Amino acid sequence: MATRVTGISGSLSDDSYTLKALHIALEGARESGSIIDVIDLRELPLPFCDGRPSARYPENVQILKHKIQDSQGIILASPEYHSSFSAVLKNALDLLSKDEMEGKMCGLIGIAGGNMAANAVNSLRIVCRSVGAWVVPHHVVIGNVDKVFDSNGVISDKHLIERLTKLGNDVAKYARLHFPND
């Protein structure tokens, strides 16, 4: 059975650079033989996590949980807001538990309008560890996105495309090693 890698975009922007970068990373996972899926939180609106029993959340939460449960690899991509990752991604992660996340291979992407998005990635790394996920060593941080993406929303920097593709490939590769019989 093929490895499944699911990406979650933590951006609600209509023309999201975060989602565009995530698609490039997922393409790297697909090129390495994985089945890919993307969770665009604009299209899967979620209620706030309020601590109720999991079964009492609406269908969209069950869809989120099911997609992550069925994946061996996960790529989390977020814009950096106030030195952390987005609230919509935090809420999605709060709705998940160790039941869905433990043992999964995670890749991380941080996007910023300014120079750095390292705090978003570092914060995501901590959250992933707390739910028992494995974070691959390679991550991608993209600063100054308005200079990285052209007017058509395309990245012209071949090195950056290679890094994003490598991230997706690494998540798929380590997921296959960790889940050899799935």
C-alpha atoms as a PDB file:
ATOM      1  CA  MET A   1       0.000   0.000   0.000  1.00  0.00           C
ATOM      2  CA  ALA A   2       1.286   3.475  -0.859  1.00  0.00           C
ATOM      3  CA  THR A   3       2.248   5.955   1.817  1.00  0.00           C
ATOM      4  CA  ARG A   4      -0.221   8.821   2.266  1.00  0.00           C
ATOM      5  CA  VAL A   5       1.076  12.335   2.942  1.00  0.00           C
ATOM      6  CA  THR A   6      -1.456  15.002   3.879  1.00  0.00           C
ATOM      7  CA  GLY A   7      -0.694  18.718   3.975  1.00  0.00           C
ATOM      8  CA  ILE A   8      -2.532  21.238   6.113  1.00  0.00           C
ATOM      9  CA  SER A   9      -2.460  24.893   5.101  1.00  0.00           C
ATOM     10  CA  GLY A  10      -2.738  27.270   8.042  1.00  0.00           C
ATOM     11  CA  SER A  11      -3.639  30.241   5.879  1.00  0.00           C
ATOM     12  CA  LEU A  12      -7.091  31.608   5.153  1.00  0.00           C
ATOM     13  CA  SER A  13      -5.879  34.093   2.522  1.00  0.00           C
ATOM     14  CA  ASP A  14      -7.592  33.922  -0.852  1.00  0.00           C
ATOM     15  CA  ASP A  15      -4.296  34.006  -2.742  1.00  0.00           C
ATOM     16  CA  SER A  16      -2.267  32.100  -0.163  1.00  0.00           C
ATOM     17  CA  TYR A  17       1.498  31.852  -0.571  1.00  0.00           C
ATOM     18  CA  THR A  18       1.398  29.280   2.208  1.00  0.00           C
ATOM     19  CA  LEU A  19      -0.893  27.015   0.200  1.00  0.00           C
ATOM     20  CA  LYS A  20       1.243  27.479  -2.924  1.00  0.00           C
ATOM     21  CA  ALA A  21       4.400  26.453  -1.056  1.00  0.00           C
ATOM     22  CA  LEU A  22       2.558  23.487   0.475  1.00  0.00           C
ATOM     23  CA  HIS A  23       1.524  22.259  -2.980  1.00  0.00           C
ATOM     24  CA  ILE A  24       5.167  22.262  -4.105  1.00  0.00           C
ATOM     25  CA  ALA A  25       6.191  20.213  -1.051  1.00  0.00           C
ATOM     26  CA  LEU A  26       3.315  17.786  -1.613  1.00  0.00           C
ATOM     27  CA  GLU A  27       4.446  17.382  -5.202  1.00  0.00           C
ATOM     28  CA  GLY A  28       7.790  16.176  -3.819  1.00  0.00           C
ATOM     29  CA  ALA A  29       5.929  13.552  -1.778  1.00  0.00           C
ATOM     30  CA  ARG A  30       3.898  12.531  -4.826  1.00  0.00           C
ATOM     31  CA  GLU A  31       7.049  12.240  -6.954  1.00  0.00           C
ATOM     32  CA  SER A  32       8.449   9.827  -4.380  1.00  0.00           C
ATOM     33  CA  GLY A  33       5.442   7.536  -4.787  1.00  0.00           C
ATOM     34  CA  SER A  34       3.094   8.775  -2.071  1.00  0.00           C
ATOM     35  CA  ILE A  35      -0.593   9.477  -2.344  1.00  0.00           C
ATOM     36  CA  ILE A  36      -1.106  13.118  -1.413  1.00  0.00           C
ATOM     37  CA  ASP A  37      -3.985  15.074   0.019  1.00  0.00           C
ATOM     38  CA  VAL A  38      -4.365  18.674   1.121  1.00  0.00           C
ATOM     39  CA  ILE A  39      -6.531  20.101   3.858  1.00  0.00           C
ATOM     40  CA  ASP A  40      -7.296  23.704   3.020  1.00  0.00           C
ATOM     41  CA  LEU A  41      -8.839  25.161   6.164  1.00  0.00           C
ATOM     42  CA  ARG A  42     -10.705  27.726   4.020  1.00  0.00           C
ATOM     43  CA  GLU A  43     -12.671  24.820   2.567  1.00  0.00           C
ATOM     44  CA  LEU A  44     -12.984  22.829   5.794  1.00  0.00           C
ATOM     45  CA  PRO A  45     -14.259  25.319   8.375  1.00  0.00           C
ATOM     46  CA  LEU A  46     -13.749  24.036  11.902  1.00  0.00           C
ATOM     47  CA  PRO A  47     -15.383  25.034  15.182  1.00  0.00           C
ATOM     48  CA  PHE A  48     -13.205  26.217  18.037  1.00  0.00           C
ATOM     49  CA  CYS A  49     -11.772  23.431  20.110  1.00  0.00           C
ATOM     50  CA  ASP A  50     -13.692  23.639  23.380  1.00  0.00           C
ATOM     51  CA  GLY A  51     -12.834  20.365  25.066  1.00  0.00           C
ATOM     52  CA  ARG A  52     -16.059  18.489  24.356  1.00  0.00           C
ATOM     53  CA  PRO A  53     -15.779  14.760  23.640  1.00  0.00           C
ATOM     54  CA  SER A  54     -14.439  14.098  20.151  1.00  0.00           C
ATOM     55  CA  ALA A  55     -17.612  12.412  18.909  1.00  0.00           C
ATOM     56  CA  ARG A  56     -19.673  15.537  19.712  1.00  0.00           C
ATOM     57  CA  TYR A  57     -17.820  17.716  17.195  1.00  0.00           C
ATOM     58  CA  PRO A  58     -19.432  18.268  13.769  1.00  0.00           C
ATOM     59  CA  GLU A  59     -18.655  16.336  10.601  1.00  0.00           C
ATOM     60  CA  ASN A  60     -15.791  18.614   9.437  1.00  0.00           C
ATOM     61  CA  VAL A  61     -13.805  17.733  12.570  1.00  0.00           C
ATOM     62  CA  GLN A  62     -14.409  14.041  11.908  1.00  0.00           C
ATOM     63  CA  ILE A  63     -13.198  14.539   8.305  1.00  0.00           C
ATOM     64  CA  LEU A  64     -10.022  16.240   9.589  1.00  0.00           C
ATOM     65  CA  LYS A  65      -9.390  13.456  12.105  1.00  0.00           C
ATOM     66  CA  HIS A  66     -10.040  10.721   9.535  1.00  0.00           C
ATOM     67  CA  LYS A  67      -7.696  12.251   6.937  1.00  0.00           C
ATOM     68  CA  ILE A  68      -4.863  12.606   9.451  1.00  0.00           C
ATOM     69  CA  GLN A  69      -5.496   9.152  10.935  1.00  0.00           C
ATOM     70  CA  ASP A  70      -5.197   7.625   7.450  1.00  0.00           C
ATOM     71  CA  SER A  71      -1.907   9.438   6.715  1.00  0.00           C
ATOM     72  CA  GLN A  72       1.588   8.333   7.567  1.00  0.00           C
ATOM     73  CA  GLY A  73       3.100  11.722   6.781  1.00  0.00           C
ATOM     74  CA  ILE A  74       1.886  15.262   7.404  1.00  0.00           C
ATOM     75  CA  ILE A  75       3.174  18.584   6.121  1.00  0.00           C
ATOM     76  CA  LEU A  76       2.126  21.614   8.157  1.00  0.00           C
ATOM     77  CA  ALA A  77       2.439  25.009   6.489  1.00  0.00           C
ATOM     78  CA  SER A  78       1.704  28.295   8.201  1.00  0.00           C
ATOM     79  CA  PRO A  79       2.182  31.994   7.830  1.00  0.00           C
ATOM     80  CA  GLU A  80       3.937  33.540  10.792  1.00  0.00           C
ATOM     81  CA  TYR A  81       1.712  35.871  12.793  1.00  0.00           C
ATOM     82  CA  HIS A  82       3.178  37.686  15.807  1.00  0.00           C
ATOM     83  CA  SER A  83       6.112  35.281  16.087  1.00  0.00           C
ATOM     84  CA  SER A  84       4.026  32.097  15.974  1.00  0.00           C
ATOM     85  CA  PHE A  85       1.962  30.013  13.605  1.00  0.00           C
ATOM     86  CA  SER A  86      -1.607  30.865  12.658  1.00  0.00           C
ATOM     87  CA  ALA A  87      -4.544  30.508  15.032  1.00  0.00           C
ATOM     88  CA  VAL A  88      -6.549  28.526  12.474  1.00  0.00           C
ATOM     89  CA  LEU A  89      -3.776  25.906  12.307  1.00  0.00           C
ATOM     90  CA  LYS A  90      -3.451  25.847  16.105  1.00  0.00           C
ATOM     91  CA  ASN A  91      -7.181  25.220  16.384  1.00  0.00           C
ATOM     92  CA  ALA A  92      -6.994  22.390  13.829  1.00  0.00           C
ATOM     93  CA  LEU A  93      -4.111  20.805  15.748  1.00  0.00           C
ATOM     94  CA  ASP A  94      -5.995  21.230  19.035  1.00  0.00           C
ATOM     95  CA  LEU A  95      -8.917  19.309  17.524  1.00  0.00           C
ATOM     96  CA  LEU A  96      -6.546  16.427  16.775  1.00  0.00           C
ATOM     97  CA  SER A  97      -5.057  14.199  19.447  1.00  0.00           C
ATOM     98  CA  LYS A  98      -2.297  11.686  19.913  1.00  0.00           C
ATOM     99  CA  ASP A  99      -4.706   9.139  18.449  1.00  0.00           C
ATOM    100  CA  GLU A 100      -4.319  10.812  15.062  1.00  0.00           C
ATOM    101  CA  MET A 101      -0.813  12.329  15.324  1.00  0.00           C
ATOM    102  CA  GLU A 102       1.378   9.951  17.315  1.00  0.00           C
ATOM    103  CA  GLY A 103       4.179   8.403  15.285  1.00  0.00           C
ATOM    104  CA  LYS A 104       3.407  10.406  12.133  1.00  0.00           C
ATOM    105  CA  MET A 105       6.247  11.985  10.166  1.00  0.00           C
ATOM    106  CA  CYS A 106       5.817  15.761   9.956  1.00  0.00           C
ATOM    107  CA  GLY A 107       7.398  18.341   7.710  1.00  0.00           C
ATOM    108  CA  LEU A 108       7.162  22.044   8.494  1.00  0.00           C
ATOM    109  CA  ILE A 109       6.913  25.160   6.334  1.00  0.00           C
ATOM    110  CA  GLY A 110       6.885  28.729   7.650  1.00  0.00           C
ATOM    111  CA  ILE A 111       5.986  31.753   5.528  1.00  0.00           C
ATOM    112  CA  ALA A 112       6.505  35.421   6.415  1.00  0.00           C
ATOM    113  CA  GLY A 113       6.004  38.805   4.867  1.00  0.00           C
ATOM    114  CA  GLY A 114       9.106  39.931   6.746  1.00  0.00           C
ATOM    115  CA  ASN A 115      12.557  38.436   6.971  1.00  0.00           C
ATOM    116  CA  MET A 116      11.927  35.308   9.002  1.00  0.00           C
ATOM    117  CA  ALA A 117       9.309  32.693   9.805  1.00  0.00           C
ATOM    118  CA  ALA A 118      11.493  30.548  12.044  1.00  0.00           C
ATOM    119  CA  ASN A 119       9.332  31.120  15.126  1.00  0.00           C
ATOM    120  CA  ALA A 120       6.298  29.567  13.411  1.00  0.00           C
ATOM    121  CA  VAL A 121       8.345  26.489  12.522  1.00  0.00           C
ATOM    122  CA  ASN A 122       9.877  26.243  15.989  1.00  0.00           C
ATOM    123  CA  SER A 123       6.463  26.527  17.636  1.00  0.00           C
ATOM    124  CA  LEU A 124       5.031  23.873  15.307  1.00  0.00           C
ATOM    125  CA  ARG A 125       7.943  21.584  16.160  1.00  0.00           C
ATOM    126  CA  ILE A 126       7.054  21.840  19.872  1.00  0.00           C
ATOM    127  CA  VAL A 127       3.376  21.080  19.226  1.00  0.00           C
ATOM    128  CA  CYS A 128       4.243  18.085  17.048  1.00  0.00           C
ATOM    129  CA  ARG A 129       6.530  16.685  19.729  1.00  0.00           C
ATOM    130  CA  SER A 130       3.824  17.085  22.360  1.00  0.00           C
ATOM    131  CA  VAL A 131       1.466  14.810  20.410  1.00  0.00           C
ATOM    132  CA  GLY A 132       4.160  12.227  19.686  1.00  0.00           C
ATOM    133  CA  ALA A 133       4.801  13.085  16.038  1.00  0.00           C
ATOM    134  CA  TRP A 134       8.257  12.860  14.490  1.00  0.00           C
ATOM    135  CA  VAL A 135       9.442  16.070  12.809  1.00  0.00           C
ATOM    136  CA  VAL A 136      11.874  15.522   9.948  1.00  0.00           C
ATOM    137  CA  PRO A 137      15.107  17.504  10.339  1.00  0.00           C
ATOM    138  CA  HIS A 138      14.695  19.475   7.109  1.00  0.00           C
ATOM    139  CA  HIS A 139      12.196  22.343   7.208  1.00  0.00           C
ATOM    140  CA  VAL A 140      11.571  25.321   4.937  1.00  0.00           C
ATOM    141  CA  VAL A 141      11.254  28.941   6.027  1.00  0.00           C
ATOM    142  CA  ILE A 142      10.348  31.522   3.405  1.00  0.00           C
ATOM    143  CA  GLY A 143      10.729  35.181   4.300  1.00  0.00           C
ATOM    144  CA  ASN A 144       9.805  38.230   2.229  1.00  0.00           C
ATOM    145  CA  VAL A 145       7.214  36.255   0.270  1.00  0.00           C
ATOM    146  CA  ASP A 146       6.253  39.245  -1.842  1.00  0.00           C
ATOM    147  CA  LYS A 147       9.770  39.059  -3.355  1.00  0.00           C
ATOM    148  CA  VAL A 148       9.846  35.244  -3.622  1.00  0.00           C
ATOM    149  CA  PHE A 149       6.594  34.764  -5.537  1.00  0.00           C
ATOM    150  CA  ASP A 150       6.095  36.614  -8.813  1.00  0.00           C
ATOM    151  CA  SER A 151       2.879  38.382  -9.858  1.00  0.00           C
ATOM    152  CA  ASN A 152       1.480  35.034 -11.059  1.00  0.00           C
ATOM    153  CA  GLY A 153       2.151  33.394  -7.689  1.00  0.00           C
ATOM    154  CA  VAL A 154       5.072  31.335  -8.969  1.00  0.00           C
ATOM    155  CA  ILE A 155       8.419  30.842  -7.247  1.00  0.00           C
ATOM    156  CA  SER A 156      11.297  31.482  -9.629  1.00  0.00           C
ATOM    157  CA  ASP A 157      14.059  30.503  -7.158  1.00  0.00           C
ATOM    158  CA  LYS A 158      14.981  26.960  -8.237  1.00  0.00           C
ATOM    159  CA  HIS A 159      16.885  26.359  -4.999  1.00  0.00           C
ATOM    160  CA  LEU A 160      13.775  27.138  -2.940  1.00  0.00           C
ATOM    161  CA  ILE A 161      11.640  24.852  -5.111  1.00  0.00           C
ATOM    162  CA  GLU A 162      14.230  22.105  -4.565  1.00  0.00           C
ATOM    163  CA  ARG A 163      14.093  22.640  -0.784  1.00  0.00           C
ATOM    164  CA  LEU A 164      10.283  22.434  -0.731  1.00  0.00           C
ATOM    165  CA  THR A 165      10.344  19.342  -2.947  1.00  0.00           C
ATOM    166  CA  LYS A 166      12.992  17.768  -0.707  1.00  0.00           C
ATOM    167  CA  LEU A 167      10.809  18.399   2.330  1.00  0.00           C
ATOM    168  CA  GLY A 168       7.915  16.504   0.748  1.00  0.00           C
ATOM    169  CA  ASN A 169      10.244  13.735  -0.379  1.00  0.00           C
ATOM    170  CA  ASP A 170      11.778  13.450   3.119  1.00  0.00           C
ATOM    171  CA  VAL A 171       8.370  13.213   4.816  1.00  0.00           C
ATOM    172  CA  ALA A 172       7.349  10.455   2.390  1.00  0.00           C
ATOM    173  CA  LYS A 173      10.662   8.599   2.727  1.00  0.00           C
ATOM    174  CA  TYR A 174      10.718   8.633   6.532  1.00  0.00           C
ATOM    175  CA  ALA A 175       7.022   7.712   6.673  1.00  0.00           C
ATOM    176  CA  ARG A 176       7.696   4.661   4.493  1.00  0.00           C
ATOM    177  CA  LEU A 177      10.573   3.648   6.773  1.00  0.00           C
ATOM    178  CA  HIS A 178       8.487   4.131   9.908  1.00  0.00           C
ATOM    179  CA  PHE A 179       5.359   2.445   8.523  1.00  0.00           C
ATOM    180  CA  PRO A 180       6.792  -0.255   6.200  1.00  0.00           C
ATOM    181  CA  ASN A 181       3.643  -2.398   6.144  1.00  0.00           C
ATOM    182  CA  ASP A 182       0.994   0.296   5.711  1.00  0.00           C
END
